[in-house]
Amino acid sequence: MTAAAGTELTTLLGDLIRDVPDFPEPGIVFKDISPLLADHRGFTAAVEALARAGRDDIGAAVVDKVAGIEARGFILAAPVALALGAGFVPVRKAGKLPGAVYSQSCVLEYGEAVLEIHQDALTPADRVLVVDDVLATGGTLEASAELVRRSGAVVHGFAVLIELGFLGGAQRLAAHPLSALLRV
């Protein structure tokens, strides 16, 4: 991506993502991506840019699966998987998947959660791009990477729409490449 294209994408995303103060609780500034999703040009640009994290230098897909984290990560990861010609694997909150699962707890910026993945969703040959909407403290992405590893697959990297840099989540994920389209 050229610097001009990067600046254009940053501006587009900044215009289409709104801040909602004190949601879901006081002191949290929620990044609402609903306007971005409703805008065809913005949504398309975001999906294409996220998919670059699953391509090599000449644009060929280098991942077999794209794991998307519930819930807004699903919205982004599924079209990224299609763009890459890869399968989509949901990472869900506890109790939402039927059948045998791997489970991993994580600490969030304002709570705790348990994430799960089907035990048969990935194979040891799979290279996986993990996609989510926001990187905050890194707990959700770190737990998702652990689920990928427990499945025997390899984490190729992480792609997020927004990185909240002031929370330091990227440092927790330093073992793998991280692509963030918008850093705040």
N, C-alpha and C. Protein backbone atom coordinates (compact mmCIF):
# COMPACT_ATOMS: atom_id res chain seq x y z
N MET A 1 0.84 -1.17 0.00
CA MET A 1 0.00 0.00 0.00
C MET A 1 0.90 1.24 0.00
N THR A 2 0.57 2.19 -0.86
CA THR A 2 1.35 3.42 -0.89
C THR A 2 0.99 4.29 0.30
N ALA A 3 1.85 5.26 0.59
CA ALA A 3 1.58 6.16 1.71
C ALA A 3 0.28 6.92 1.49
N ALA A 4 0.04 7.35 0.23
CA ALA A 4 -1.20 8.07 -0.07
C ALA A 4 -2.41 7.17 0.15
N ALA A 5 -2.31 5.92 -0.30
CA ALA A 5 -3.42 4.98 -0.09
C ALA A 5 -3.62 4.72 1.39
N GLY A 6 -2.54 4.62 2.15
CA GLY A 6 -2.64 4.42 3.59
C GLY A 6 -3.29 5.61 4.27
N THR A 7 -2.94 6.82 3.85
CA THR A 7 -3.54 8.03 4.40
C THR A 7 -5.02 8.09 4.05
N GLU A 8 -5.35 7.74 2.81
CA GLU A 8 -6.75 7.74 2.38
C GLU A 8 -7.57 6.73 3.19
N LEU A 9 -7.02 5.54 3.42
CA LEU A 9 -7.72 4.53 4.21
C LEU A 9 -7.89 4.99 5.65
N THR A 10 -6.85 5.56 6.23
CA THR A 10 -6.93 6.06 7.60
C THR A 10 -8.01 7.12 7.73
N THR A 11 -8.06 8.03 6.77
CA THR A 11 -9.08 9.08 6.78
C THR A 11 -10.47 8.47 6.63
N LEU A 12 -10.62 7.56 5.71
CA LEU A 12 -11.92 6.91 5.48
C LEU A 12 -12.39 6.19 6.75
N LEU A 13 -11.51 5.41 7.35
CA LEU A 13 -11.87 4.69 8.57
C LEU A 13 -12.20 5.66 9.71
N GLY A 14 -11.38 6.68 9.85
CA GLY A 14 -11.62 7.66 10.90
C GLY A 14 -12.97 8.36 10.76
N ASP A 15 -13.37 8.59 9.51
CA ASP A 15 -14.66 9.23 9.26
C ASP A 15 -15.83 8.30 9.53
N LEU A 16 -15.62 6.98 9.42
CA LEU A 16 -16.73 6.02 9.50
C LEU A 16 -16.80 5.24 10.82
N ILE A 17 -15.86 5.46 11.71
CA ILE A 17 -15.89 4.80 13.02
C ILE A 17 -16.15 5.88 14.06
N ARG A 18 -17.21 5.69 14.83
CA ARG A 18 -17.58 6.73 15.80
C ARG A 18 -17.28 6.27 17.23
N ASP A 19 -16.96 7.24 18.06
CA ASP A 19 -16.73 7.00 19.48
C ASP A 19 -18.05 7.12 20.23
N VAL A 20 -18.31 6.17 21.12
CA VAL A 20 -19.48 6.21 21.98
C VAL A 20 -18.96 6.19 23.42
N PRO A 21 -18.98 7.35 24.09
CA PRO A 21 -18.46 7.39 25.46
C PRO A 21 -19.33 6.63 26.45
N ASP A 22 -18.66 6.07 27.45
CA ASP A 22 -19.31 5.39 28.58
C ASP A 22 -20.16 4.20 28.15
N PHE A 23 -19.68 3.47 27.15
CA PHE A 23 -20.35 2.23 26.72
C PHE A 23 -19.30 1.15 26.55
N PRO A 24 -19.48 -0.03 27.07
CA PRO A 24 -20.64 -0.56 27.76
C PRO A 24 -20.72 -0.20 29.24
N GLU A 25 -19.72 0.53 29.72
CA GLU A 25 -19.75 0.97 31.12
C GLU A 25 -19.00 2.29 31.23
N PRO A 26 -19.19 3.03 32.31
CA PRO A 26 -18.53 4.33 32.47
C PRO A 26 -17.01 4.22 32.33
N GLY A 27 -16.45 5.19 31.61
CA GLY A 27 -15.00 5.25 31.42
C GLY A 27 -14.52 4.57 30.16
N ILE A 28 -15.35 3.76 29.52
CA ILE A 28 -14.98 3.08 28.28
C ILE A 28 -15.47 3.91 27.10
N VAL A 29 -14.60 4.12 26.11
CA VAL A 29 -15.01 4.77 24.87
C VAL A 29 -15.11 3.67 23.82
N PHE A 30 -16.33 3.29 23.48
CA PHE A 30 -16.61 2.21 22.54
C PHE A 30 -16.38 2.70 21.12
N LYS A 31 -15.70 1.90 20.32
CA LYS A 31 -15.48 2.20 18.91
C LYS A 31 -16.59 1.51 18.11
N ASP A 32 -17.56 2.30 17.66
CA ASP A 32 -18.71 1.77 16.92
C ASP A 32 -18.37 1.70 15.44
N ILE A 33 -18.31 0.47 14.92
CA ILE A 33 -17.98 0.27 13.51
C ILE A 33 -19.22 0.14 12.63
N SER A 34 -20.41 0.31 13.21
CA SER A 34 -21.65 0.18 12.43
C SER A 34 -21.68 1.10 11.21
N PRO A 35 -21.29 2.39 11.33
CA PRO A 35 -21.28 3.24 10.12
C PRO A 35 -20.32 2.72 9.05
N LEU A 36 -19.19 2.16 9.44
CA LEU A 36 -18.25 1.59 8.48
C LEU A 36 -18.88 0.41 7.76
N LEU A 37 -19.53 -0.46 8.50
CA LEU A 37 -20.15 -1.64 7.90
C LEU A 37 -21.27 -1.26 6.95
N ALA A 38 -21.95 -0.15 7.21
CA ALA A 38 -23.06 0.29 6.37
C ALA A 38 -22.60 1.01 5.11
N ASP A 39 -21.31 1.32 5.04
CA ASP A 39 -20.77 2.06 3.90
C ASP A 39 -20.01 1.09 3.00
N HIS A 40 -20.54 0.82 1.80
CA HIS A 40 -19.94 -0.18 0.92
C HIS A 40 -18.47 0.11 0.63
N ARG A 41 -18.16 1.34 0.30
CA ARG A 41 -16.78 1.70 -0.03
C ARG A 41 -15.85 1.48 1.17
N GLY A 42 -16.28 1.93 2.34
CA GLY A 42 -15.45 1.77 3.53
C GLY A 42 -15.28 0.33 3.95
N PHE A 43 -16.39 -0.42 3.92
CA PHE A 43 -16.35 -1.84 4.31
C PHE A 43 -15.45 -2.62 3.36
N THR A 44 -15.59 -2.36 2.06
CA THR A 44 -14.76 -3.04 1.07
C THR A 44 -13.28 -2.72 1.28
N ALA A 45 -12.98 -1.45 1.49
CA ALA A 45 -11.59 -1.04 1.71
C ALA A 45 -11.01 -1.70 2.96
N ALA A 46 -11.81 -1.77 4.02
CA ALA A 46 -11.33 -2.40 5.26
C ALA A 46 -11.06 -3.88 5.05
N VAL A 47 -11.97 -4.58 4.40
CA VAL A 47 -11.78 -6.02 4.16
C VAL A 47 -10.54 -6.26 3.30
N GLU A 48 -10.39 -5.49 2.23
CA GLU A 48 -9.21 -5.66 1.36
C GLU A 48 -7.91 -5.39 2.12
N ALA A 49 -7.91 -4.35 2.96
CA ALA A 49 -6.71 -4.03 3.72
C ALA A 49 -6.40 -5.10 4.77
N LEU A 50 -7.42 -5.61 5.44
CA LEU A 50 -7.21 -6.69 6.42
C LEU A 50 -6.68 -7.95 5.74
N ALA A 51 -7.18 -8.24 4.55
CA ALA A 51 -6.76 -9.44 3.82
C ALA A 51 -5.27 -9.37 3.44
N ARG A 52 -4.71 -8.18 3.31
CA ARG A 52 -3.28 -8.07 2.97
C ARG A 52 -2.40 -8.77 4.00
N ALA A 53 -2.88 -8.86 5.24
CA ALA A 53 -2.09 -9.53 6.29
C ALA A 53 -2.00 -11.03 6.04
N GLY A 54 -2.82 -11.57 5.16
CA GLY A 54 -2.78 -12.99 4.82
C GLY A 54 -2.18 -13.26 3.45
N ARG A 55 -1.48 -12.28 2.91
CA ARG A 55 -0.85 -12.40 1.59
C ARG A 55 0.66 -12.19 1.69
N ASP A 56 1.36 -12.71 0.69
CA ASP A 56 2.81 -12.47 0.63
C ASP A 56 3.08 -11.18 -0.14
N ASP A 57 4.35 -10.90 -0.42
CA ASP A 57 4.74 -9.65 -1.07
C ASP A 57 4.21 -9.49 -2.48
N ILE A 58 3.87 -10.60 -3.14
CA ILE A 58 3.34 -10.48 -4.50
C ILE A 58 1.81 -10.62 -4.53
N GLY A 59 1.19 -10.72 -3.36
CA GLY A 59 -0.25 -10.74 -3.28
C GLY A 59 -0.90 -12.11 -3.22
N ALA A 60 -0.10 -13.16 -3.17
CA ALA A 60 -0.67 -14.51 -3.10
C ALA A 60 -1.07 -14.83 -1.66
N ALA A 61 -2.21 -15.48 -1.50
CA ALA A 61 -2.67 -15.88 -0.16
C ALA A 61 -1.71 -16.90 0.43
N VAL A 62 -1.39 -16.72 1.71
CA VAL A 62 -0.46 -17.62 2.40
C VAL A 62 -1.09 -18.23 3.64
N VAL A 63 -2.39 -18.11 3.78
CA VAL A 63 -3.10 -18.70 4.92
C VAL A 63 -4.17 -19.67 4.41
N ASP A 64 -4.45 -20.65 5.23
CA ASP A 64 -5.47 -21.65 4.90
C ASP A 64 -6.81 -21.33 5.56
N LYS A 65 -6.74 -20.69 6.72
CA LYS A 65 -7.94 -20.38 7.49
C LYS A 65 -7.83 -18.97 8.06
N VAL A 66 -8.99 -18.37 8.26
CA VAL A 66 -9.08 -17.09 8.94
C VAL A 66 -9.98 -17.31 10.15
N ALA A 67 -9.44 -17.06 11.33
CA ALA A 67 -10.20 -17.20 12.57
C ALA A 67 -10.74 -15.82 12.95
N GLY A 68 -12.05 -15.76 13.18
CA GLY A 68 -12.69 -14.51 13.57
C GLY A 68 -13.25 -14.63 14.97
N ILE A 69 -13.06 -13.58 15.76
CA ILE A 69 -13.44 -13.60 17.16
C ILE A 69 -14.83 -12.97 17.33
N GLU A 70 -15.66 -13.68 18.07
CA GLU A 70 -17.03 -13.22 18.35
C GLU A 70 -17.00 -11.86 19.01
N ALA A 71 -17.84 -10.96 18.65
CA ALA A 71 -18.85 -11.07 17.62
C ALA A 71 -18.48 -10.21 16.41
N ARG A 72 -17.94 -9.03 16.65
CA ARG A 72 -17.65 -8.15 15.52
C ARG A 72 -16.50 -8.68 14.67
N GLY A 73 -15.65 -9.49 15.24
CA GLY A 73 -14.58 -10.11 14.45
C GLY A 73 -15.13 -11.02 13.37
N PHE A 74 -16.31 -11.64 13.62
CA PHE A 74 -16.95 -12.48 12.60
C PHE A 74 -17.26 -11.66 11.35
N ILE A 75 -17.79 -10.48 11.58
CA ILE A 75 -18.25 -9.62 10.48
C ILE A 75 -17.08 -9.28 9.56
N LEU A 76 -15.91 -9.11 10.12
CA LEU A 76 -14.72 -8.78 9.34
C LEU A 76 -14.01 -10.01 8.80
N ALA A 77 -13.90 -11.04 9.62
CA ALA A 77 -13.10 -12.21 9.25
C ALA A 77 -13.72 -13.03 8.13
N ALA A 78 -15.04 -13.16 8.10
CA ALA A 78 -15.67 -13.97 7.06
C ALA A 78 -15.39 -13.42 5.66
N PRO A 79 -15.58 -12.12 5.39
CA PRO A 79 -15.24 -11.63 4.06
C PRO A 79 -13.73 -11.63 3.79
N VAL A 80 -12.91 -11.50 4.84
CA VAL A 80 -11.46 -11.61 4.65
C VAL A 80 -11.12 -13.03 4.18
N ALA A 81 -11.75 -14.03 4.79
CA ALA A 81 -11.52 -15.42 4.37
C ALA A 81 -11.91 -15.60 2.91
N LEU A 82 -13.04 -15.06 2.51
CA LEU A 82 -13.46 -15.17 1.11
C LEU A 82 -12.46 -14.49 0.18
N ALA A 83 -11.98 -13.32 0.58
CA ALA A 83 -11.00 -12.59 -0.24
C ALA A 83 -9.70 -13.38 -0.41
N LEU A 84 -9.37 -14.18 0.60
CA LEU A 84 -8.12 -14.95 0.57
C LEU A 84 -8.31 -16.36 0.01
N GLY A 85 -9.54 -16.75 -0.29
CA GLY A 85 -9.79 -18.12 -0.73
C GLY A 85 -9.53 -19.11 0.38
N ALA A 86 -9.79 -18.69 1.61
CA ALA A 86 -9.51 -19.51 2.80
C ALA A 86 -10.81 -19.85 3.51
N GLY A 87 -10.72 -20.81 4.43
CA GLY A 87 -11.87 -21.14 5.25
C GLY A 87 -11.99 -20.18 6.42
N PHE A 88 -13.20 -20.09 6.96
CA PHE A 88 -13.46 -19.25 8.13
C PHE A 88 -13.70 -20.13 9.34
N VAL A 89 -13.07 -19.79 10.47
CA VAL A 89 -13.21 -20.53 11.72
C VAL A 89 -13.67 -19.56 12.81
N PRO A 90 -14.84 -19.81 13.40
CA PRO A 90 -15.30 -18.93 14.47
C PRO A 90 -14.63 -19.24 15.81
N VAL A 91 -14.23 -18.19 16.49
CA VAL A 91 -13.77 -18.28 17.88
C VAL A 91 -14.91 -17.69 18.69
N ARG A 92 -15.57 -18.55 19.49
CA ARG A 92 -16.81 -18.15 20.16
C ARG A 92 -16.64 -18.05 21.66
N LYS A 93 -17.58 -17.36 22.27
CA LYS A 93 -17.66 -17.33 23.73
C LYS A 93 -18.12 -18.69 24.21
N ALA A 94 -17.79 -19.03 25.43
CA ALA A 94 -18.06 -20.36 25.99
C ALA A 94 -19.54 -20.73 25.86
N GLY A 95 -19.75 -21.99 25.51
CA GLY A 95 -21.11 -22.54 25.45
C GLY A 95 -21.86 -22.29 24.16
N LYS A 96 -21.22 -21.71 23.15
CA LYS A 96 -21.91 -21.38 21.90
C LYS A 96 -21.65 -22.37 20.77
N LEU A 97 -20.65 -23.23 20.94
CA LEU A 97 -20.30 -24.19 19.89
C LEU A 97 -20.75 -25.60 20.30
N PRO A 98 -21.38 -26.32 19.37
CA PRO A 98 -21.72 -27.71 19.67
C PRO A 98 -20.49 -28.60 19.48
N GLY A 99 -20.45 -29.71 20.13
CA GLY A 99 -19.35 -30.65 19.94
C GLY A 99 -18.14 -30.35 20.81
N ALA A 100 -17.08 -31.10 20.54
CA ALA A 100 -15.85 -30.98 21.32
C ALA A 100 -15.12 -29.68 20.99
N VAL A 101 -14.69 -28.98 22.04
CA VAL A 101 -14.03 -27.70 21.88
C VAL A 101 -12.77 -27.63 22.73
N TYR A 102 -11.88 -26.73 22.31
CA TYR A 102 -10.79 -26.29 23.18
C TYR A 102 -11.27 -24.99 23.80
N SER A 103 -10.95 -24.77 25.07
CA SER A 103 -11.35 -23.56 25.78
C SER A 103 -10.13 -22.83 26.31
N GLN A 104 -10.24 -21.50 26.33
CA GLN A 104 -9.14 -20.68 26.84
C GLN A 104 -9.73 -19.44 27.50
N SER A 105 -9.35 -19.19 28.75
CA SER A 105 -9.82 -17.99 29.43
C SER A 105 -8.94 -16.81 29.05
N CYS A 106 -9.51 -15.61 29.18
CA CYS A 106 -8.75 -14.40 28.89
C CYS A 106 -9.28 -13.25 29.73
N VAL A 107 -8.40 -12.30 29.98
CA VAL A 107 -8.77 -11.09 30.71
C VAL A 107 -8.91 -9.98 29.69
N LEU A 108 -10.05 -9.30 29.73
CA LEU A 108 -10.34 -8.21 28.82
C LEU A 108 -10.09 -6.88 29.51
N GLU A 109 -10.21 -5.78 28.76
CA GLU A 109 -9.99 -4.48 29.36
C GLU A 109 -11.04 -4.14 30.41
N TYR A 110 -12.21 -4.79 30.33
CA TYR A 110 -13.25 -4.54 31.33
C TYR A 110 -13.99 -5.80 31.73
N GLY A 111 -13.24 -6.89 31.92
CA GLY A 111 -13.87 -8.13 32.36
C GLY A 111 -13.03 -9.34 32.01
N GLU A 112 -13.67 -10.49 32.09
CA GLU A 112 -13.03 -11.76 31.75
C GLU A 112 -13.96 -12.55 30.84
N ALA A 113 -13.39 -13.48 30.09
CA ALA A 113 -14.19 -14.31 29.19
C ALA A 113 -13.49 -15.64 28.98
N VAL A 114 -14.23 -16.59 28.47
CA VAL A 114 -13.69 -17.87 28.02
C VAL A 114 -14.04 -17.99 26.55
N LEU A 115 -13.03 -18.25 25.74
CA LEU A 115 -13.21 -18.43 24.30
C LEU A 115 -13.06 -19.90 23.95
N GLU A 116 -13.74 -20.31 22.88
CA GLU A 116 -13.68 -21.70 22.45
C GLU A 116 -13.58 -21.80 20.93
N ILE A 117 -13.02 -22.94 20.51
CA ILE A 117 -12.90 -23.27 19.10
C ILE A 117 -13.18 -24.77 18.98
N HIS A 118 -13.82 -25.16 17.89
CA HIS A 118 -14.04 -26.60 17.68
C HIS A 118 -12.70 -27.31 17.58
N GLN A 119 -12.62 -28.48 18.18
CA GLN A 119 -11.36 -29.24 18.14
C GLN A 119 -11.00 -29.70 16.73
N ASP A 120 -11.99 -29.83 15.86
CA ASP A 120 -11.71 -30.29 14.50
C ASP A 120 -11.71 -29.15 13.47
N ALA A 121 -11.68 -27.90 13.93
CA ALA A 121 -11.75 -26.76 13.02
C ALA A 121 -10.45 -26.52 12.25
N LEU A 122 -9.34 -26.93 12.83
CA LEU A 122 -8.02 -26.68 12.24
C LEU A 122 -7.22 -27.97 12.20
N THR A 123 -6.28 -28.04 11.27
CA THR A 123 -5.37 -29.17 11.19
C THR A 123 -3.94 -28.66 11.41
N PRO A 124 -3.02 -29.56 11.72
CA PRO A 124 -1.63 -29.12 11.91
C PRO A 124 -1.01 -28.47 10.67
N ALA A 125 -1.57 -28.69 9.50
CA ALA A 125 -1.03 -28.09 8.28
C ALA A 125 -1.53 -26.66 8.08
N ASP A 126 -2.54 -26.24 8.84
CA ASP A 126 -3.16 -24.94 8.61
C ASP A 126 -2.32 -23.77 9.14
N ARG A 127 -2.23 -22.74 8.30
CA ARG A 127 -1.67 -21.44 8.70
C ARG A 127 -2.87 -20.51 8.87
N VAL A 128 -2.95 -19.84 10.01
CA VAL A 128 -4.16 -19.13 10.39
C VAL A 128 -3.90 -17.64 10.62
N LEU A 129 -4.73 -16.82 9.99
CA LEU A 129 -4.76 -15.39 10.26
C LEU A 129 -5.89 -15.16 11.25
N VAL A 130 -5.60 -14.50 12.37
CA VAL A 130 -6.60 -14.22 13.39
C VAL A 130 -7.05 -12.77 13.22
N VAL A 131 -8.37 -12.58 13.06
CA VAL A 131 -8.93 -11.26 12.78
C VAL A 131 -9.91 -10.85 13.88
N ASP A 132 -9.81 -9.58 14.27
CA ASP A 132 -10.78 -9.01 15.21
C ASP A 132 -10.97 -7.54 14.86
N ASP A 133 -11.97 -6.93 15.49
CA ASP A 133 -12.24 -5.53 15.22
C ASP A 133 -11.28 -4.61 15.97
N VAL A 134 -11.09 -4.86 17.27
CA VAL A 134 -10.29 -3.96 18.10
C VAL A 134 -9.24 -4.74 18.89
N LEU A 135 -8.03 -4.23 18.89
CA LEU A 135 -6.98 -4.71 19.78
C LEU A 135 -6.88 -3.72 20.92
N ALA A 136 -7.22 -4.18 22.11
CA ALA A 136 -7.13 -3.34 23.31
C ALA A 136 -5.95 -3.83 24.14
N THR A 137 -6.20 -4.65 25.13
CA THR A 137 -5.13 -5.16 25.99
C THR A 137 -4.43 -6.38 25.39
N GLY A 138 -5.02 -6.99 24.37
CA GLY A 138 -4.42 -8.14 23.72
C GLY A 138 -4.89 -9.48 24.26
N GLY A 139 -5.70 -9.47 25.30
CA GLY A 139 -6.12 -10.73 25.91
C GLY A 139 -6.93 -11.63 25.00
N THR A 140 -7.84 -11.07 24.23
CA THR A 140 -8.68 -11.86 23.35
C THR A 140 -7.87 -12.47 22.21
N LEU A 141 -7.01 -11.67 21.60
CA LEU A 141 -6.18 -12.19 20.52
C LEU A 141 -5.17 -13.21 21.03
N GLU A 142 -4.61 -12.96 22.20
CA GLU A 142 -3.66 -13.91 22.79
C GLU A 142 -4.34 -15.25 23.08
N ALA A 143 -5.56 -15.22 23.62
CA ALA A 143 -6.30 -16.45 23.89
C ALA A 143 -6.65 -17.17 22.59
N SER A 144 -7.02 -16.42 21.58
CA SER A 144 -7.34 -17.01 20.28
C SER A 144 -6.12 -17.69 19.66
N ALA A 145 -4.97 -17.05 19.78
CA ALA A 145 -3.73 -17.65 19.28
C ALA A 145 -3.42 -18.95 20.01
N GLU A 146 -3.67 -18.97 21.31
CA GLU A 146 -3.45 -20.19 22.08
C GLU A 146 -4.38 -21.30 21.60
N LEU A 147 -5.62 -20.97 21.29
CA LEU A 147 -6.56 -21.97 20.76
C LEU A 147 -6.09 -22.51 19.42
N VAL A 148 -5.56 -21.65 18.57
CA VAL A 148 -5.01 -22.08 17.28
C VAL A 148 -3.85 -23.05 17.52
N ARG A 149 -2.94 -22.69 18.43
CA ARG A 149 -1.79 -23.56 18.73
C ARG A 149 -2.24 -24.89 19.31
N ARG A 150 -3.21 -24.87 20.22
CA ARG A 150 -3.71 -26.11 20.81
C ARG A 150 -4.36 -27.01 19.77
N SER A 151 -4.85 -26.42 18.70
CA SER A 151 -5.43 -27.19 17.60
C SER A 151 -4.34 -27.81 16.72
N GLY A 152 -3.09 -27.42 16.95
CA GLY A 152 -1.98 -27.93 16.17
C GLY A 152 -1.62 -27.07 14.97
N ALA A 153 -2.39 -26.03 14.72
CA ALA A 153 -2.15 -25.15 13.59
C ALA A 153 -1.13 -24.07 13.95
N VAL A 154 -0.77 -23.27 12.96
CA VAL A 154 0.23 -22.22 13.12
C VAL A 154 -0.43 -20.86 12.98
N VAL A 155 -0.15 -19.95 13.91
CA VAL A 155 -0.63 -18.58 13.80
C VAL A 155 0.27 -17.84 12.80
N HIS A 156 -0.32 -17.41 11.70
CA HIS A 156 0.41 -16.63 10.69
C HIS A 156 0.58 -15.19 11.17
N GLY A 157 -0.46 -14.65 11.80
CA GLY A 157 -0.42 -13.28 12.28
C GLY A 157 -1.80 -12.82 12.71
N PHE A 158 -1.86 -11.54 13.06
CA PHE A 158 -3.09 -10.91 13.53
C PHE A 158 -3.42 -9.74 12.62
N ALA A 159 -4.71 -9.53 12.36
CA ALA A 159 -5.17 -8.36 11.63
C ALA A 159 -6.36 -7.78 12.37
N VAL A 160 -6.27 -6.49 12.68
CA VAL A 160 -7.35 -5.81 13.39
C VAL A 160 -7.70 -4.52 12.68
N LEU A 161 -8.92 -4.13 12.84
CA LEU A 161 -9.37 -2.86 12.28
C LEU A 161 -8.77 -1.69 13.06
N ILE A 162 -8.83 -1.77 14.39
CA ILE A 162 -8.40 -0.66 15.25
C ILE A 162 -7.48 -1.19 16.36
N GLU A 163 -6.37 -0.51 16.56
CA GLU A 163 -5.51 -0.80 17.71
C GLU A 163 -5.58 0.37 18.68
N LEU A 164 -5.95 0.08 19.91
CA LEU A 164 -5.93 1.10 20.96
C LEU A 164 -4.53 1.08 21.57
N GLY A 165 -3.62 1.81 20.96
CA GLY A 165 -2.20 1.76 21.31
C GLY A 165 -1.90 2.08 22.76
N PHE A 166 -2.70 2.94 23.37
CA PHE A 166 -2.44 3.35 24.75
C PHE A 166 -2.65 2.22 25.75
N LEU A 167 -3.27 1.10 25.33
CA LEU A 167 -3.48 -0.03 26.24
C LEU A 167 -2.37 -1.08 26.15
N GLY A 168 -1.47 -0.95 25.18
CA GLY A 168 -0.29 -1.80 25.12
C GLY A 168 -0.51 -3.24 24.68
N GLY A 169 -1.63 -3.54 24.04
CA GLY A 169 -1.91 -4.92 23.63
C GLY A 169 -0.93 -5.48 22.61
N ALA A 170 -0.38 -4.63 21.77
CA ALA A 170 0.54 -5.12 20.74
C ALA A 170 1.77 -5.78 21.34
N GLN A 171 2.21 -5.31 22.48
CA GLN A 171 3.39 -5.90 23.12
C GLN A 171 3.13 -7.35 23.52
N ARG A 172 1.91 -7.68 23.90
CA ARG A 172 1.56 -9.06 24.29
C ARG A 172 1.60 -10.00 23.09
N LEU A 173 1.49 -9.43 21.91
CA LEU A 173 1.37 -10.24 20.69
C LEU A 173 2.63 -10.19 19.83
N ALA A 174 3.72 -9.73 20.38
CA ALA A 174 4.93 -9.46 19.61
C ALA A 174 5.52 -10.68 18.90
N ALA A 175 5.11 -11.88 19.29
CA ALA A 175 5.66 -13.10 18.66
C ALA A 175 5.16 -13.29 17.23
N HIS A 176 4.13 -12.54 16.82
CA HIS A 176 3.55 -12.71 15.48
C HIS A 176 3.33 -11.35 14.84
N PRO A 177 3.35 -11.30 13.50
CA PRO A 177 3.06 -10.03 12.83
C PRO A 177 1.66 -9.52 13.18
N LEU A 178 1.56 -8.20 13.33
CA LEU A 178 0.29 -7.56 13.63
C LEU A 178 0.04 -6.47 12.60
N SER A 179 -1.13 -6.52 11.98
CA SER A 179 -1.56 -5.48 11.07
C SER A 179 -2.76 -4.78 11.67
N ALA A 180 -2.64 -3.47 11.91
CA ALA A 180 -3.74 -2.67 12.42
C ALA A 180 -4.01 -1.56 11.41
N LEU A 181 -5.26 -1.43 10.97
CA LEU A 181 -5.58 -0.45 9.95
C LEU A 181 -5.67 0.96 10.51
N LEU A 182 -6.05 1.08 11.77
CA LEU A 182 -6.18 2.39 12.39
C LEU A 182 -5.64 2.28 13.81
N ARG A 183 -4.69 3.14 14.16
CA ARG A 183 -4.12 3.16 15.52
C ARG A 183 -4.56 4.44 16.22
N VAL A 184 -5.12 4.25 17.41
CA VAL A 184 -5.55 5.41 18.20
C VAL A 184 -4.95 5.32 19.59
